[in-house]
Amino acid sequence: NLVRTPLAALGRQTDETVHLAMQEGQDIVY
């Protein structure tokens, strides 16, 4: 929720799919 606005702006600017992921153990979670 905190970064939703800048990520949406990045998506509009680049017209590409944007992911935010976090590390959990040996994995990332989208």
All heavy atoms as atom14 arrays in JSON, in Angstrom:
{
  "sequence": "NLVRTPLAALGRQTDETVHLAMQEGQDIVY",
  "atom14_mask": [
    [1, 1, 1, 1, 1, 1, 1, 1, 0, 0, 0, 0, 0, 0],
    [1, 1, 1, 1, 1, 1, 1, 1, 0, 0, 0, 0, 0, 0],
    [1, 1, 1, 1, 1, 1, 1, 0, 0, 0, 0, 0, 0, 0],
    [1, 1, 1, 1, 1, 1, 1, 1, 1, 1, 1, 0, 0, 0],
    [1, 1, 1, 1, 1, 1, 1, 0, 0, 0, 0, 0, 0, 0],
    [1, 1, 1, 1, 1, 1, 1, 0, 0, 0, 0, 0, 0, 0],
    [1, 1, 1, 1, 1, 1, 1, 1, 0, 0, 0, 0, 0, 0],
    [1, 1, 1, 1, 1, 0, 0, 0, 0, 0, 0, 0, 0, 0],
    [1, 1, 1, 1, 1, 0, 0, 0, 0, 0, 0, 0, 0, 0],
    [1, 1, 1, 1, 1, 1, 1, 1, 0, 0, 0, 0, 0, 0],
    [1, 1, 1, 1, 0, 0, 0, 0, 0, 0, 0, 0, 0, 0],
    [1, 1, 1, 1, 1, 1, 1, 1, 1, 1, 1, 0, 0, 0],
    [1, 1, 1, 1, 1, 1, 1, 1, 1, 0, 0, 0, 0, 0],
    [1, 1, 1, 1, 1, 1, 1, 0, 0, 0, 0, 0, 0, 0],
    [1, 1, 1, 1, 1, 1, 1, 1, 0, 0, 0, 0, 0, 0],
    [1, 1, 1, 1, 1, 1, 1, 1, 1, 0, 0, 0, 0, 0],
    [1, 1, 1, 1, 1, 1, 1, 0, 0, 0, 0, 0, 0, 0],
    [1, 1, 1, 1, 1, 1, 1, 0, 0, 0, 0, 0, 0, 0],
    [1, 1, 1, 1, 1, 1, 1, 1, 1, 1, 0, 0, 0, 0],
    [1, 1, 1, 1, 1, 1, 1, 1, 0, 0, 0, 0, 0, 0],
    [1, 1, 1, 1, 1, 0, 0, 0, 0, 0, 0, 0, 0, 0],
    [1, 1, 1, 1, 1, 1, 1, 1, 0, 0, 0, 0, 0, 0],
    [1, 1, 1, 1, 1, 1, 1, 1, 1, 0, 0, 0, 0, 0],
    [1, 1, 1, 1, 1, 1, 1, 1, 1, 0, 0, 0, 0, 0],
    [1, 1, 1, 1, 0, 0, 0, 0, 0, 0, 0, 0, 0, 0],
    [1, 1, 1, 1, 1, 1, 1, 1, 1, 0, 0, 0, 0, 0],
    [1, 1, 1, 1, 1, 1, 1, 1, 0, 0, 0, 0, 0, 0],
    [1, 1, 1, 1, 1, 1, 1, 1, 0, 0, 0, 0, 0, 0],
    [1, 1, 1, 1, 1, 1, 1, 0, 0, 0, 0, 0, 0, 0],
    [1, 1, 1, 1, 1, 1, 1, 1, 1, 1, 1, 1, 0, 0]
  ],
  "atom14_positions": [
    [[0.81, -1.21, 0.0], [0.0, 0.0, 0.0], [0.85, 1.26, 0.0], [0.5, 2.25, -0.64], [-0.94, 0.01, 1.21], [-2.14, -0.88, 1.0], [-2.64, -1.04, -0.12], [-2.62, -1.51, 2.07], [0.0, 0.0, 0.0], [0.0, 0.0, 0.0], [0.0, 0.0, 0.0], [0.0, 0.0, 0.0], [0.0, 0.0, 0.0], [0.0, 0.0, 0.0]],
    [[1.98, 1.22, 0.71], [2.82, 2.41, 0.8], [3.39, 2.82, -0.55], [3.54, 4.0, -0.83], [3.98, 2.15, 1.78], [3.63, 2.21, 3.27], [4.82, 1.72, 4.09], [3.26, 3.63, 3.67], [0.0, 0.0, 0.0], [0.0, 0.0, 0.0], [0.0, 0.0, 0.0], [0.0, 0.0, 0.0], [0.0, 0.0, 0.0], [0.0, 0.0, 0.0]],
    [[3.73, 1.82, -1.39], [4.41, 2.15, -2.65], [3.49, 2.0, -3.86], [3.95, 2.06, -5.0], [5.67, 1.27, -2.83], [6.59, 1.42, -1.64], [5.3, -0.2, -3.0], [0.0, 0.0, 0.0], [0.0, 0.0, 0.0], [0.0, 0.0, 0.0], [0.0, 0.0, 0.0], [0.0, 0.0, 0.0], [0.0, 0.0, 0.0], [0.0, 0.0, 0.0]],
    [[2.21, 1.82, -3.63], [1.28, 1.61, -4.74], [1.31, 2.76, -5.76], [1.33, 2.55, -6.97], [-0.14, 1.45, -4.19], [-1.17, 1.02, -5.23], [-2.54, 0.89, -4.58], [-2.52, -0.06, -3.48], [-2.7, -1.37, -3.64], [-2.9, -1.85, -4.85], [-2.69, -2.18, -2.6], [0.0, 0.0, 0.0], [0.0, 0.0, 0.0], [0.0, 0.0, 0.0]],
    [[1.35, 4.0, -5.26], [1.3, 5.16, -6.16], [2.53, 5.24, -7.06], [2.4, 5.37, -8.28], [1.12, 6.45, -5.35], [-0.13, 6.4, -4.65], [1.13, 7.67, -6.27], [0.0, 0.0, 0.0], [0.0, 0.0, 0.0], [0.0, 0.0, 0.0], [0.0, 0.0, 0.0], [0.0, 0.0, 0.0], [0.0, 0.0, 0.0], [0.0, 0.0, 0.0]],
    [[3.77, 5.19, -6.51], [4.93, 5.25, -7.41], [5.05, 4.05, -8.35], [5.51, 4.19, -9.48], [6.13, 5.33, -6.45], [5.62, 4.9, -5.13], [4.18, 5.27, -5.09], [0.0, 0.0, 0.0], [0.0, 0.0, 0.0], [0.0, 0.0, 0.0], [0.0, 0.0, 0.0], [0.0, 0.0, 0.0], [0.0, 0.0, 0.0], [0.0, 0.0, 0.0]],
    [[4.58, 2.87, -7.92], [4.63, 1.71, -8.81], [3.64, 1.86, -9.95], [3.93, 1.48, -11.09], [4.37, 0.43, -8.02], [5.42, 0.01, -7.01], [5.1, -1.38, -6.46], [6.81, 0.03, -7.61], [0.0, 0.0, 0.0], [0.0, 0.0, 0.0], [0.0, 0.0, 0.0], [0.0, 0.0, 0.0], [0.0, 0.0, 0.0], [0.0, 0.0, 0.0]],
    [[2.47, 2.4, -9.66], [1.49, 2.64, -10.71], [2.03, 3.66, -11.71], [1.85, 3.52, -12.93], [0.18, 3.12, -10.11], [0.0, 0.0, 0.0], [0.0, 0.0, 0.0], [0.0, 0.0, 0.0], [0.0, 0.0, 0.0], [0.0, 0.0, 0.0], [0.0, 0.0, 0.0], [0.0, 0.0, 0.0], [0.0, 0.0, 0.0], [0.0, 0.0, 0.0]],
    [[2.71, 4.68, -11.19], [3.3, 5.7, -12.07], [4.39, 5.09, -12.95], [4.5, 5.42, -14.14], [3.87, 6.84, -11.23], [0.0, 0.0, 0.0], [0.0, 0.0, 0.0], [0.0, 0.0, 0.0], [0.0, 0.0, 0.0], [0.0, 0.0, 0.0], [0.0, 0.0, 0.0], [0.0, 0.0, 0.0], [0.0, 0.0, 0.0], [0.0, 0.0, 0.0]],
    [[5.18, 4.18, -12.37], [6.23, 3.51, -13.15], [5.61, 2.67, -14.25], [6.12, 2.64, -15.38], [7.07, 2.64, -12.22], [8.19, 1.82, -12.87], [9.22, 2.74, -13.52], [8.87, 0.91, -11.84], [0.0, 0.0, 0.0], [0.0, 0.0, 0.0], [0.0, 0.0, 0.0], [0.0, 0.0, 0.0], [0.0, 0.0, 0.0], [0.0, 0.0, 0.0]],
    [[4.52, 1.99, -13.95], [3.83, 1.18, -14.96], [3.31, 2.03, -16.1], [3.44, 1.67, -17.28], [0.0, 0.0, 0.0], [0.0, 0.0, 0.0], [0.0, 0.0, 0.0], [0.0, 0.0, 0.0], [0.0, 0.0, 0.0], [0.0, 0.0, 0.0], [0.0, 0.0, 0.0], [0.0, 0.0, 0.0], [0.0, 0.0, 0.0], [0.0, 0.0, 0.0]],
    [[2.73, 3.2, -15.76], [2.22, 4.09, -16.81], [3.35, 4.66, -17.66], [3.24, 4.79, -18.87], [1.41, 5.23, -16.19], [0.08, 4.8, -15.57], [-0.78, 6.0, -15.25], [-0.14, 6.89, -14.28], [-0.27, 6.78, -12.97], [-1.0, 5.8, -12.45], [0.33, 7.64, -12.15], [0.0, 0.0, 0.0], [0.0, 0.0, 0.0], [0.0, 0.0, 0.0]],
    [[4.45, 4.99, -16.99], [5.58, 5.6, -17.7], [6.24, 4.63, -18.67], [6.63, 5.01, -19.78], [6.61, 6.1, -16.68], [7.83, 6.78, -17.32], [8.85, 7.22, -16.27], [8.67, 7.0, -15.07], [9.93, 7.83, -16.73], [0.0, 0.0, 0.0], [0.0, 0.0, 0.0], [0.0, 0.0, 0.0], [0.0, 0.0, 0.0], [0.0, 0.0, 0.0]],
    [[6.37, 3.37, -18.27], [7.09, 2.39, -19.08], [6.19, 1.51, -19.93], [6.65, 0.89, -20.88], [7.95, 1.49, -18.18], [7.08, 0.76, -17.29], [8.94, 2.32, -17.37], [0.0, 0.0, 0.0], [0.0, 0.0, 0.0], [0.0, 0.0, 0.0], [0.0, 0.0, 0.0], [0.0, 0.0, 0.0], [0.0, 0.0, 0.0], [0.0, 0.0, 0.0]],
    [[4.92, 1.42, -19.54], [3.96, 0.53, -20.2], [4.41, -0.92, -20.13], [4.18, -1.7, -21.05], [3.74, 0.95, -21.66], [2.42, 0.42, -22.21], [1.5, 0.17, -21.41], [2.32, 0.23, -23.44], [0.0, 0.0, 0.0], [0.0, 0.0, 0.0], [0.0, 0.0, 0.0], [0.0, 0.0, 0.0], [0.0, 0.0, 0.0], [0.0, 0.0, 0.0]],
    [[5.07, -1.27, -19.02], [5.51, -2.64, -18.79], [4.93, -3.13, -17.45], [4.5, -2.34, -16.62], [7.04, -2.74, -18.75], [7.75, -2.25, -19.99], [7.47, -3.08, -21.25], [6.7, -4.05, -21.17], [8.04, -2.74, -22.31], [0.0, 0.0, 0.0], [0.0, 0.0, 0.0], [0.0, 0.0, 0.0], [0.0, 0.0, 0.0], [0.0, 0.0, 0.0]],
    [[4.94, -4.45, -17.26], [4.42, -5.03, -16.02], [5.4, -4.77, -14.87], [6.6, -5.0, -15.0], [4.21, -6.55, -16.19], [3.24, -6.77, -17.19], [3.74, -7.17, -14.88], [0.0, 0.0, 0.0], [0.0, 0.0, 0.0], [0.0, 0.0, 0.0], [0.0, 0.0, 0.0], [0.0, 0.0, 0.0], [0.0, 0.0, 0.0], [0.0, 0.0, 0.0]],
    [[4.86, -4.29, -13.76], [5.66, -3.97, -12.58], [5.35, -4.97, -11.47], [4.19, -5.28, -11.21], [5.35, -2.54, -12.07], [6.23, -2.21, -10.86], [5.54, -1.52, -13.18], [0.0, 0.0, 0.0], [0.0, 0.0, 0.0], [0.0, 0.0, 0.0], [0.0, 0.0, 0.0], [0.0, 0.0, 0.0], [0.0, 0.0, 0.0], [0.0, 0.0, 0.0]],
    [[6.4, -5.49, -10.84], [6.24, -6.38, -9.68], [6.92, -5.77, -8.46], [7.99, -5.16, -8.59], [6.87, -7.74, -9.93], [6.16, -8.59, -10.93], [6.63, -8.77, -12.22], [5.03, -9.32, -10.85], [5.81, -9.57, -12.88], [4.83, -9.92, -12.07], [0.0, 0.0, 0.0], [0.0, 0.0, 0.0], [0.0, 0.0, 0.0], [0.0, 0.0, 0.0]],
    [[6.3, -5.97, -7.31], [6.94, -5.71, -6.03], [7.04, -7.05, -5.33], [6.04, -7.77, -5.21], [6.12, -4.73, -5.18], [6.57, -4.57, -3.72], [7.94, -3.91, -3.63], [5.55, -3.74, -2.94], [0.0, 0.0, 0.0], [0.0, 0.0, 0.0], [0.0, 0.0, 0.0], [0.0, 0.0, 0.0], [0.0, 0.0, 0.0], [0.0, 0.0, 0.0]],
    [[8.25, -7.41, -4.9], [8.46, -8.7, -4.24], [9.18, -8.51, -2.93], [9.95, -7.55, -2.76], [9.27, -9.63, -5.15], [0.0, 0.0, 0.0], [0.0, 0.0, 0.0], [0.0, 0.0, 0.0], [0.0, 0.0, 0.0], [0.0, 0.0, 0.0], [0.0, 0.0, 0.0], [0.0, 0.0, 0.0], [0.0, 0.0, 0.0], [0.0, 0.0, 0.0]],
    [[8.94, -9.43, -2.01], [9.65, -9.4, -0.74], [10.32, -10.75, -0.5], [9.87, -11.79, -0.99], [8.7, -9.09, 0.42], [7.68, -10.17, 0.74], [6.73, -9.81, 2.25], [8.01, -10.08, 3.5], [0.0, 0.0, 0.0], [0.0, 0.0, 0.0], [0.0, 0.0, 0.0], [0.0, 0.0, 0.0], [0.0, 0.0, 0.0], [0.0, 0.0, 0.0]],
    [[11.44, -10.71, 0.22], [12.18, -11.93, 0.55], [11.55, -12.6, 1.75], [11.17, -11.96, 2.73], [13.64, -11.57, 0.84], [14.45, -12.71, 1.43], [14.58, -12.61, 2.94], [14.56, -11.51, 3.5], [14.74, -13.75, 3.59], [0.0, 0.0, 0.0], [0.0, 0.0, 0.0], [0.0, 0.0, 0.0], [0.0, 0.0, 0.0], [0.0, 0.0, 0.0]],
    [[11.43, -13.91, 1.65], [10.94, -14.71, 2.77], [11.69, -16.03, 2.75], [11.45, -16.88, 1.89], [9.43, -14.94, 2.66], [8.8, -15.5, 3.91], [7.28, -15.51, 3.84], [6.66, -14.49, 4.21], [6.72, -16.52, 3.38], [0.0, 0.0, 0.0], [0.0, 0.0, 0.0], [0.0, 0.0, 0.0], [0.0, 0.0, 0.0], [0.0, 0.0, 0.0]],
    [[12.64, -16.19, 3.66], [13.47, -17.39, 3.64], [14.36, -17.41, 2.41], [15.03, -16.44, 2.09], [0.0, 0.0, 0.0], [0.0, 0.0, 0.0], [0.0, 0.0, 0.0], [0.0, 0.0, 0.0], [0.0, 0.0, 0.0], [0.0, 0.0, 0.0], [0.0, 0.0, 0.0], [0.0, 0.0, 0.0], [0.0, 0.0, 0.0], [0.0, 0.0, 0.0]],
    [[14.32, -18.51, 1.68], [15.12, -18.64, 0.44], [14.34, -18.22, -0.8], [14.81, -18.39, -1.92], [15.58, -20.09, 0.25], [16.71, -20.52, 1.15], [16.3, -20.64, 2.6], [16.74, -19.86, 3.44], [15.43, -21.6, 2.89], [0.0, 0.0, 0.0], [0.0, 0.0, 0.0], [0.0, 0.0, 0.0], [0.0, 0.0, 0.0], [0.0, 0.0, 0.0]],
    [[13.15, -17.67, -0.59], [12.27, -17.33, -1.7], [11.97, -15.84, -1.76], [12.24, -15.07, -0.84], [10.93, -18.07, -1.56], [11.09, -19.57, -1.58], [12.06, -20.06, -2.19], [10.23, -20.26, -1.0], [0.0, 0.0, 0.0], [0.0, 0.0, 0.0], [0.0, 0.0, 0.0], [0.0, 0.0, 0.0], [0.0, 0.0, 0.0], [0.0, 0.0, 0.0]],
    [[11.36, -15.45, -2.88], [10.7, -14.16, -2.98], [9.21, -14.44, -3.09], [8.81, -15.51, -3.59], [11.19, -13.3, -4.17], [10.96, -14.02, -5.51], [12.63, -12.89, -3.98], [9.69, -13.69, -6.22], [0.0, 0.0, 0.0], [0.0, 0.0, 0.0], [0.0, 0.0, 0.0], [0.0, 0.0, 0.0], [0.0, 0.0, 0.0], [0.0, 0.0, 0.0]],
    [[8.41, -13.51, -2.61], [6.96, -13.6, -2.72], [6.48, -12.33, -3.41], [6.83, -11.22, -2.99], [6.29, -13.74, -1.34], [4.77, -13.84, -1.5], [6.83, -14.94, -0.59], [0.0, 0.0, 0.0], [0.0, 0.0, 0.0], [0.0, 0.0, 0.0], [0.0, 0.0, 0.0], [0.0, 0.0, 0.0], [0.0, 0.0, 0.0], [0.0, 0.0, 0.0]],
    [[5.69, -12.49, -4.47], [5.13, -11.32, -5.14], [4.0, -10.75, -4.28], [3.06, -11.46, -3.93], [4.58, -11.69, -6.52], [5.63, -12.14, -7.5], [5.71, -13.47, -7.93], [6.57, -11.25, -8.0], [6.68, -13.89, -8.83], [7.54, -11.66, -8.9], [7.59, -12.98, -9.3], [8.55, -13.38, -10.19], [0.0, 0.0, 0.0], [0.0, 0.0, 0.0]]
  ]
}
